[in-house]
Amino acid sequence: MLEEDYRTVSCGGDPFNFLLSTMKSIGITIEENNIVKLMVMDDKFRYSDEIFKKMARYSKMEVESIVRENGEIYLFLRKIQ
């Protein structure tokens, strides 16, 4: 499993567009059906599970699961066709 750690990222722009761009980049990089664990902080990316799922679908991935603990969010993403 590939892990992408963006917990300490400091983005000066729009967090939504940053995360969407990150997901699209991951979707291009990984092979079909591979799982990626994307780690972000809840205080920087305060989105509902449904928003994360829509972002993933737009990036040609699907959310396998979302884990929220200790102010962190772990998105488990899988590339789809």
C-alpha atoms as a PDB file:
ATOM      1  CA  MET A   1       0.000   0.000   0.000  1.00  0.00           C
ATOM      2  CA  LEU A   2       1.253   3.416  -0.969  1.00  0.00           C
ATOM      3  CA  GLU A   3       1.086   6.117   1.714  1.00  0.00           C
ATOM      4  CA  GLU A   4       0.826   9.823   0.939  1.00  0.00           C
ATOM      5  CA  ASP A   5       1.319  11.986   4.029  1.00  0.00           C
ATOM      6  CA  TYR A   6      -0.048  15.520   3.758  1.00  0.00           C
ATOM      7  CA  ARG A   7      -0.583  16.060   7.485  1.00  0.00           C
ATOM      8  CA  THR A   8       2.069  18.761   7.735  1.00  0.00           C
ATOM      9  CA  VAL A   9       1.420  20.442   4.406  1.00  0.00           C
ATOM     10  CA  SER A  10       0.953  24.179   4.541  1.00  0.00           C
ATOM     11  CA  CYS A  11      -0.991  25.367   1.552  1.00  0.00           C
ATOM     12  CA  GLY A  12      -1.548  29.068   1.062  1.00  0.00           C
ATOM     13  CA  GLY A  13      -4.286  28.565  -1.494  1.00  0.00           C
ATOM     14  CA  ASP A  14      -7.668  26.923  -1.446  1.00  0.00           C
ATOM     15  CA  PRO A  15      -7.519  23.615   0.491  1.00  0.00           C
ATOM     16  CA  PHE A  16     -10.273  22.058  -1.651  1.00  0.00           C
ATOM     17  CA  ASN A  17      -8.389  22.645  -4.909  1.00  0.00           C
ATOM     18  CA  PHE A  18      -5.120  21.527  -3.316  1.00  0.00           C
ATOM     19  CA  LEU A  19      -6.648  18.226  -2.193  1.00  0.00           C
ATOM     20  CA  LEU A  20      -8.442  17.696  -5.494  1.00  0.00           C
ATOM     21  CA  SER A  21      -5.185  18.287  -7.378  1.00  0.00           C
ATOM     22  CA  THR A  22      -3.412  15.864  -5.045  1.00  0.00           C
ATOM     23  CA  MET A  23      -6.025  13.174  -5.630  1.00  0.00           C
ATOM     24  CA  LYS A  24      -5.877  13.625  -9.401  1.00  0.00           C
ATOM     25  CA  SER A  25      -2.089  13.303  -9.274  1.00  0.00           C
ATOM     26  CA  ILE A  26      -2.337  10.114  -7.223  1.00  0.00           C
ATOM     27  CA  GLY A  27      -4.934   8.760  -9.654  1.00  0.00           C
ATOM     28  CA  ILE A  28      -2.523   9.264 -12.548  1.00  0.00           C
ATOM     29  CA  THR A  29       0.423   7.730 -10.705  1.00  0.00           C
ATOM     30  CA  ILE A  30      -0.982   4.492  -9.295  1.00  0.00           C
ATOM     31  CA  GLU A  31      -2.009   1.304 -11.060  1.00  0.00           C
ATOM     32  CA  GLU A  32      -5.604   0.160 -11.238  1.00  0.00           C
ATOM     33  CA  ASN A  33      -6.916  -1.457  -8.023  1.00  0.00           C
ATOM     34  CA  ASN A  34      -3.922  -0.319  -5.954  1.00  0.00           C
ATOM     35  CA  ILE A  35      -4.786   1.167  -2.570  1.00  0.00           C
ATOM     36  CA  VAL A  36      -3.395   4.500  -1.405  1.00  0.00           C
ATOM     37  CA  LYS A  37      -3.594   5.803   2.145  1.00  0.00           C
ATOM     38  CA  LEU A  38      -3.870   9.592   1.955  1.00  0.00           C
ATOM     39  CA  MET A  39      -3.287  11.241   5.338  1.00  0.00           C
ATOM     40  CA  VAL A  40      -4.516  14.786   6.044  1.00  0.00           C
ATOM     41  CA  MET A  41      -5.446  16.876   9.069  1.00  0.00           C
ATOM     42  CA  ASP A  42      -9.094  17.422   9.916  1.00  0.00           C
ATOM     43  CA  ASP A  43      -8.578  21.089  10.805  1.00  0.00           C
ATOM     44  CA  LYS A  44      -7.238  21.851   7.303  1.00  0.00           C
ATOM     45  CA  PHE A  45      -9.667  19.688   5.328  1.00  0.00           C
ATOM     46  CA  ARG A  46     -13.039  19.910   7.077  1.00  0.00           C
ATOM     47  CA  TYR A  47     -15.094  18.059   4.503  1.00  0.00           C
ATOM     48  CA  SER A  48     -17.817  15.472   4.848  1.00  0.00           C
ATOM     49  CA  ASP A  49     -17.298  11.890   3.766  1.00  0.00           C
ATOM     50  CA  GLU A  50     -19.574  12.559   0.793  1.00  0.00           C
ATOM     51  CA  ILE A  51     -17.341  15.413  -0.422  1.00  0.00           C
ATOM     52  CA  PHE A  52     -14.258  13.183  -0.160  1.00  0.00           C
ATOM     53  CA  LYS A  53     -16.085  10.493  -2.147  1.00  0.00           C
ATOM     54  CA  LYS A  54     -17.069  12.974  -4.870  1.00  0.00           C
ATOM     55  CA  MET A  55     -13.483  14.245  -5.088  1.00  0.00           C
ATOM     56  CA  ALA A  56     -12.228  10.672  -5.419  1.00  0.00           C
ATOM     57  CA  ARG A  57     -14.760   9.826  -8.156  1.00  0.00           C
ATOM     58  CA  TYR A  58     -13.741  12.958 -10.058  1.00  0.00           C
ATOM     59  CA  SER A  59     -10.135  11.726  -9.803  1.00  0.00           C
ATOM     60  CA  LYS A  60     -11.102   8.264 -11.141  1.00  0.00           C
ATOM     61  CA  MET A  61     -10.750   6.638  -7.741  1.00  0.00           C
ATOM     62  CA  GLU A  62     -13.118   5.384  -5.098  1.00  0.00           C
ATOM     63  CA  VAL A  63     -12.966   5.632  -1.344  1.00  0.00           C
ATOM     64  CA  GLU A  64     -12.479   2.244   0.267  1.00  0.00           C
ATOM     65  CA  SER A  65     -12.772   3.716   3.755  1.00  0.00           C
ATOM     66  CA  ILE A  66     -12.342   6.898   5.739  1.00  0.00           C
ATOM     67  CA  VAL A  67     -10.854   6.797   9.219  1.00  0.00           C
ATOM     68  CA  ARG A  68     -10.957   9.828  11.500  1.00  0.00           C
ATOM     69  CA  GLU A  69      -8.901   9.756  14.682  1.00  0.00           C
ATOM     70  CA  ASN A  70      -7.008  12.246  16.829  1.00  0.00           C
ATOM     71  CA  GLY A  71      -7.676  15.119  14.434  1.00  0.00           C
ATOM     72  CA  GLU A  72      -6.345  13.189  11.453  1.00  0.00           C
ATOM     73  CA  ILE A  73      -8.179  11.791   8.438  1.00  0.00           C
ATOM     74  CA  TYR A  74      -7.000   8.688   6.593  1.00  0.00           C
ATOM     75  CA  LEU A  75      -8.529   8.256   3.153  1.00  0.00           C
ATOM     76  CA  PHE A  76      -8.050   4.825   1.651  1.00  0.00           C
ATOM     77  CA  LEU A  77      -8.403   5.269  -2.101  1.00  0.00           C
ATOM     78  CA  ARG A  78      -8.455   2.765  -4.950  1.00  0.00           C
ATOM     79  CA  LYS A  79      -8.028   3.592  -8.622  1.00  0.00           C
ATOM     80  CA  ILE A  80     -10.870   2.551 -10.889  1.00  0.00           C
ATOM     81  CA  GLN A  81     -11.397   2.626 -14.656  1.00  0.00           C
END
